PDB file of N, CA and C in Angstrom:
ATOM      1  N   UNK A   1     -49.745  57.474 160.516  1.00  0.00           N
ATOM      2  CA  UNK A   1     -48.343  57.268 160.252  1.00  0.00           C
ATOM      3  C   UNK A   1     -47.547  57.374 161.551  1.00  0.00           C
ATOM      4  N   UNK A   2     -47.601  56.334 162.287  1.00  0.00           N
ATOM      5  CA  UNK A   2     -46.874  56.322 163.550  1.00  0.00           C
ATOM      6  C   UNK A   2     -45.397  56.092 163.295  1.00  0.00           C
ATOM      7  N   UNK A   3     -44.564  56.721 164.073  1.00  0.00           N
ATOM      8  CA  UNK A   3     -43.138  56.531 163.954  1.00  0.00           C
ATOM      9  C   UNK A   3     -42.467  57.434 162.938  1.00  0.00           C
ATOM     10  N   UNK A   4     -43.225  58.243 162.251  1.00  0.00           N
ATOM     11  CA  UNK A   4     -42.630  59.162 161.278  1.00  0.00           C
ATOM     12  C   UNK A   4     -42.652  60.572 161.834  1.00  0.00           C
ATOM     13  N   UNK A   5     -41.597  61.282 161.552  1.00  0.00           N
ATOM     14  CA  UNK A   5     -41.549  62.678 161.969  1.00  0.00           C
ATOM     15  C   UNK A   5     -41.763  63.552 160.752  1.00  0.00           C
ATOM     16  N   UNK A   6     -42.334  64.681 160.984  1.00  0.00           N
ATOM     17  CA  UNK A   6     -42.595  65.612 159.900  1.00  0.00           C
ATOM     18  C   UNK A   6     -41.580  66.738 159.993  1.00  0.00           C
ATOM     19  N   UNK A   7     -40.832  66.945 158.918  1.00  0.00           N
ATOM     20  CA  UNK A   7     -39.835  68.015 158.895  1.00  0.00           C
ATOM     21  C   UNK A   7     -40.524  69.317 158.509  1.00  0.00           C
ATOM     22  N   UNK A   8     -40.243  70.327 159.275  1.00  0.00           N
ATOM     23  CA  UNK A   8     -40.810  71.637 158.946  1.00  0.00           C
ATOM     24  C   UNK A   8     -40.063  72.215 157.763  1.00  0.00           C
ATOM     25  N   UNK A   9     -40.776  72.815 156.892  1.00  0.00           N
ATOM     26  CA  UNK A   9     -40.172  73.483 155.744  1.00  0.00           C
ATOM     27  C   UNK A   9     -40.118  74.971 156.067  1.00  0.00           C
ATOM     28  N   UNK A  10     -38.925  75.481 156.227  1.00  0.00           N
ATOM     29  CA  UNK A  10     -38.796  76.892 156.547  1.00  0.00           C
ATOM     30  C   UNK A  10     -37.400  77.372 156.216  1.00  0.00           C
ATOM     31  N   UNK A  11     -37.248  78.663 156.232  1.00  0.00           N
ATOM     32  CA  UNK A  11     -35.946  79.254 155.929  1.00  0.00           C
ATOM     33  C   UNK A  11     -35.025  79.039 157.115  1.00  0.00           C
ATOM     34  N   UNK A  12     -33.825  78.551 156.842  1.00  0.00           N
ATOM     35  CA  UNK A  12     -32.835  78.359 157.889  1.00  0.00           C
ATOM     36  C   UNK A  12     -32.997  77.068 158.655  1.00  0.00           C
ATOM     37  N   UNK A  13     -33.924  76.215 158.273  1.00  0.00           N
ATOM     38  CA  UNK A  13     -34.131  74.960 158.991  1.00  0.00           C
ATOM     39  C   UNK A  13     -33.414  73.838 158.263  1.00  0.00           C
ATOM     40  N   UNK A  14     -32.559  73.134 158.978  1.00  0.00           N
ATOM     41  CA  UNK A  14     -31.836  71.985 158.412  1.00  0.00           C
ATOM     42  C   UNK A  14     -32.351  70.720 159.069  1.00  0.00           C
ATOM     43  N   UNK A  15     -32.729  69.763 158.272  1.00  0.00           N
ATOM     44  CA  UNK A  15     -33.196  68.494 158.832  1.00  0.00           C
ATOM     45  C   UNK A  15     -32.016  67.730 159.426  1.00  0.00           C
ATOM     46  N   UNK A  16     -32.324  66.827 160.312  1.00  0.00           N
ATOM     47  CA  UNK A  16     -31.273  66.025 160.945  1.00  0.00           C
ATOM     48  C   UNK A  16     -30.545  65.191 159.904  1.00  0.00           C
ATOM     49  N   UNK A  17     -31.256  64.721 158.898  1.00  0.00           N
ATOM     50  CA  UNK A  17     -30.634  63.919 157.848  1.00  0.00           C
ATOM     51  C   UNK A  17     -29.615  64.742 157.068  1.00  0.00           C
ATOM     52  N   UNK A  18     -29.961  65.983 156.764  1.00  0.00           N
ATOM     53  CA  UNK A  18     -29.053  66.857 156.038  1.00  0.00           C
ATOM     54  C   UNK A  18     -27.820  67.185 156.873  1.00  0.00           C
ATOM     55  N   UNK A  19     -28.012  67.431 158.138  1.00  0.00           N
ATOM     56  CA  UNK A  19     -26.882  67.743 159.029  1.00  0.00           C
ATOM     57  C   UNK A  19     -25.942  66.547 159.137  1.00  0.00           C
ATOM     58  N   UNK A  20     -26.505  65.339 159.256  1.00  0.00           N
ATOM     59  CA  UNK A  20     -25.653  64.139 159.313  1.00  0.00           C
ATOM     60  C   UNK A  20     -24.887  63.948 158.011  1.00  0.00           C
ATOM     61  N   UNK A  21     -25.554  64.198 156.900  1.00  0.00           N
ATOM     62  CA  UNK A  21     -24.892  64.056 155.605  1.00  0.00           C
ATOM     63  C   UNK A  21     -23.768  65.054 155.433  1.00  0.00           C
ATOM     64  N   UNK A  22     -24.015  66.293 155.800  1.00  0.00           N
ATOM     65  CA  UNK A  22     -22.974  67.319 155.696  1.00  0.00           C
ATOM     66  C   UNK A  22     -21.818  67.025 156.649  1.00  0.00           C
ATOM     67  N   UNK A  23     -22.127  66.554 157.829  1.00  0.00           N
ATOM     68  CA  UNK A  23     -21.086  66.201 158.789  1.00  0.00           C
ATOM     69  C   UNK A  23     -20.213  65.073 158.272  1.00  0.00           C
ATOM     70  N   UNK A  24     -20.841  64.062 157.680  1.00  0.00           N
ATOM     71  CA  UNK A  24     -20.076  62.945 157.127  1.00  0.00           C
ATOM     72  C   UNK A  24     -19.203  63.407 155.962  1.00  0.00           C
ATOM     73  N   UNK A  25     -19.726  64.318 155.149  1.00  0.00           N
ATOM     74  CA  UNK A  25     -18.942  64.830 154.021  1.00  0.00           C
ATOM     75  C   UNK A  25     -17.732  65.620 154.510  1.00  0.00           C
ATOM     76  N   UNK A  26     -17.915  66.439 155.529  1.00  0.00           N
ATOM     77  CA  UNK A  26     -16.806  67.238 156.073  1.00  0.00           C
ATOM     78  C   UNK A  26     -15.728  66.317 156.644  1.00  0.00           C
ATOM     79  N   UNK A  27     -16.154  65.280 157.360  1.00  0.00           N
ATOM     80  CA  UNK A  27     -15.184  64.341 157.940  1.00  0.00           C
ATOM     81  C   UNK A  27     -14.438  63.594 156.840  1.00  0.00           C
ATOM     82  N   UNK A  28     -15.153  63.204 155.786  1.00  0.00           N
ATOM     83  CA  UNK A  28     -14.507  62.490 154.682  1.00  0.00           C
ATOM     84  C   UNK A  28     -13.481  63.373 153.983  1.00  0.00           C
ATOM     85  N   UNK A  29     -13.830  64.625 153.733  1.00  0.00           N
ATOM     86  CA  UNK A  29     -12.898  65.544 153.062  1.00  0.00           C
ATOM     87  C   UNK A  29     -11.688  65.807 153.953  1.00  0.00           C
ATOM     88  N   UNK A  30     -11.915  65.984 155.243  1.00  0.00           N
ATOM     89  CA  UNK A  30     -10.796  66.216 156.161  1.00  0.00           C
ATOM     90  C   UNK A  30      -9.862  65.008 156.184  1.00  0.00           C
ATOM     91  N   UNK A  31     -10.421  63.807 156.143  1.00  0.00           N
ATOM     92  CA  UNK A  31      -9.594  62.604 156.105  1.00  0.00           C
ATOM     93  C   UNK A  31      -8.779  62.506 154.831  1.00  0.00           C
ATOM     94  N   UNK A  32      -9.390  62.853 153.702  1.00  0.00           N
ATOM     95  CA  UNK A  32      -8.657  62.815 152.431  1.00  0.00           C
ATOM     96  C   UNK A  32      -7.536  63.851 152.402  1.00  0.00           C
ATOM     97  N   UNK A  33      -7.799  65.027 152.935  1.00  0.00           N
ATOM     98  CA  UNK A  33      -6.764  66.067 152.964  1.00  0.00           C
ATOM     99  C   UNK A  33      -5.613  65.639 153.874  1.00  0.00           C
ATOM    100  N   UNK A  34      -5.942  65.063 155.021  1.00  0.00           N
ATOM    101  CA  UNK A  34      -4.892  64.615 155.945  1.00  0.00           C
ATOM    102  C   UNK A  34      -4.058  63.510 155.311  1.00  0.00           C
ATOM    103  N   UNK A  35      -4.709  62.597 154.602  1.00  0.00           N
ATOM    104  CA  UNK A  35      -3.974  61.508 153.953  1.00  0.00           C
ATOM    105  C   UNK A  35      -3.094  62.030 152.823  1.00  0.00           C
ATOM    106  N   UNK A  36      -3.575  63.021 152.098  1.00  0.00           N
ATOM    107  CA  UNK A  36      -2.796  63.572 150.991  1.00  0.00           C
ATOM    108  C   UNK A  36      -1.578  64.339 151.503  1.00  0.00           C
ATOM    109  N   UNK A  37      -1.718  64.976 152.642  1.00  0.00           N
ATOM    110  CA  UNK A  37      -0.614  65.768 153.181  1.00  0.00           C
ATOM    111  C   UNK A  37       0.385  64.921 153.957  1.00  0.00           C
ATOM    112  N   UNK A  38       0.015  63.698 154.320  1.00  0.00           N
ATOM    113  CA  UNK A  38       0.911  62.859 155.112  1.00  0.00           C
ATOM    114  C   UNK A  38       2.151  62.493 154.308  1.00  0.00           C
ATOM    115  N   UNK A  39       1.975  62.013 153.104  1.00  0.00           N
ATOM    116  CA  UNK A  39       3.106  61.669 152.248  1.00  0.00           C
ATOM    117  C   UNK A  39       3.906  60.510 152.802  1.00  0.00           C
ATOM    118  N   UNK A  40       4.946  60.126 152.107  1.00  0.00           N
ATOM    119  CA  UNK A  40       5.777  59.015 152.569  1.00  0.00           C
ATOM    120  C   UNK A  40       6.624  59.425 153.777  1.00  0.00           C
ATOM    121  N   UNK A  41       7.068  58.438 154.517  1.00  0.00           N
ATOM    122  CA  UNK A  41       7.886  58.705 155.694  1.00  0.00           C
ATOM    123  C   UNK A  41       9.244  59.267 155.263  1.00  0.00           C
ATOM    124  N   UNK A  42       9.790  60.138 156.069  1.00  0.00           N
ATOM    125  CA  UNK A  42      11.106  60.728 155.802  1.00  0.00           C
ATOM    126  C   UNK A  42      12.183  59.691 156.101  1.00  0.00           C
ATOM    127  N   UNK A  43      13.171  59.628 155.253  1.00  0.00           N
ATOM    128  CA  UNK A  43      14.309  58.736 155.476  1.00  0.00           C
ATOM    129  C   UNK A  43      15.545  59.593 155.718  1.00  0.00           C
ATOM    130  N   UNK A  44      16.529  59.051 156.422  1.00  0.00           N
ATOM    131  CA  UNK A  44      17.747  59.833 156.629  1.00  0.00           C
ATOM    132  C   UNK A  44      18.454  60.084 155.298  1.00  0.00           C
ATOM    133  N   UNK A  45      19.232  61.131 155.259  1.00  0.00           N
ATOM    134  CA  UNK A  45      19.958  61.469 154.037  1.00  0.00           C
ATOM    135  C   UNK A  45      20.904  60.338 153.662  1.00  0.00           C
ATOM    136  N   UNK A  46      20.894  59.940 152.402  1.00  0.00           N
ATOM    137  CA  UNK A  46      21.805  58.856 151.994  1.00  0.00           C
ATOM    138  C   UNK A  46      23.249  59.341 152.007  1.00  0.00           C
ATOM    139  N   UNK A  47      24.144  58.391 152.108  1.00  0.00           N
ATOM    140  CA  UNK A  47      25.574  58.715 152.076  1.00  0.00           C
ATOM    141  C   UNK A  47      25.890  59.240 150.679  1.00  0.00           C
ATOM    142  N   UNK A  48      26.541  60.400 150.595  1.00  0.00           N
ATOM    143  CA  UNK A  48      26.844  60.929 149.257  1.00  0.00           C
ATOM    144  C   UNK A  48      27.765  59.984 148.484  1.00  0.00           C
ATOM    145  N   UNK A  49      27.481  59.846 147.227  1.00  0.00           N
ATOM    146  CA  UNK A  49      28.279  58.962 146.380  1.00  0.00           C
ATOM    147  C   UNK A  49      29.645  59.593 146.143  1.00  0.00           C
ATOM    148  N   UNK A  50      30.652  58.765 146.137  1.00  0.00           N
ATOM    149  CA  UNK A  50      32.004  59.278 145.873  1.00  0.00           C
ATOM    150  C   UNK A  50      32.160  59.508 144.384  1.00  0.00           C
ATOM    151  N   UNK A  51      32.768  60.618 144.061  1.00  0.00           N
ATOM    152  CA  UNK A  51      32.974  60.930 142.650  1.00  0.00           C
ATOM    153  C   UNK A  51      34.164  60.132 142.117  1.00  0.00           C
ATOM    154  N   UNK A  52      34.008  59.627 140.933  1.00  0.00           N
ATOM    155  CA  UNK A  52      35.084  58.848 140.314  1.00  0.00           C
ATOM    156  C   UNK A  52      35.903  59.802 139.456  1.00  0.00           C
ATOM    157  N   UNK A  53      37.192  59.834 139.751  1.00  0.00           N
ATOM    158  CA  UNK A  53      38.078  60.718 138.984  1.00  0.00           C
ATOM    159  C   UNK A  53      38.333  60.123 137.608  1.00  0.00           C
ATOM    160  N   UNK A  54      38.203  60.924 136.597  1.00  0.00           N
ATOM    161  CA  UNK A  54      38.459  60.462 135.233  1.00  0.00           C
ATOM    162  C   UNK A  54      39.832  60.938 134.799  1.00  0.00           C
ATOM    163  N   UNK A  55      40.589  60.034 134.223  1.00  0.00           N
ATOM    164  CA  UNK A  55      41.906  60.438 133.712  1.00  0.00           C
ATOM    165  C   UNK A  55      41.828  60.517 132.204  1.00  0.00           C
ATOM    166  N   UNK A  56      42.431  61.550 131.665  1.00  0.00           N
ATOM    167  CA  UNK A  56      42.411  61.738 130.207  1.00  0.00           C
ATOM    168  C   UNK A  56      43.584  61.087 129.571  1.00  0.00           C
TER     169      UNK A  56
END
């Protein structure tokens, strides 16, 4: 089996595939959190509406 690597099975050992997967998941979650916190752009305060006086 040329070209294949054998992953050691042991306590505390993370395969390169697992590390890449976890890294991609962390980046994806960070991107989603950043997008959720961005929100719409701030607009300047609108001109207050003038109150209409009512006559009885």
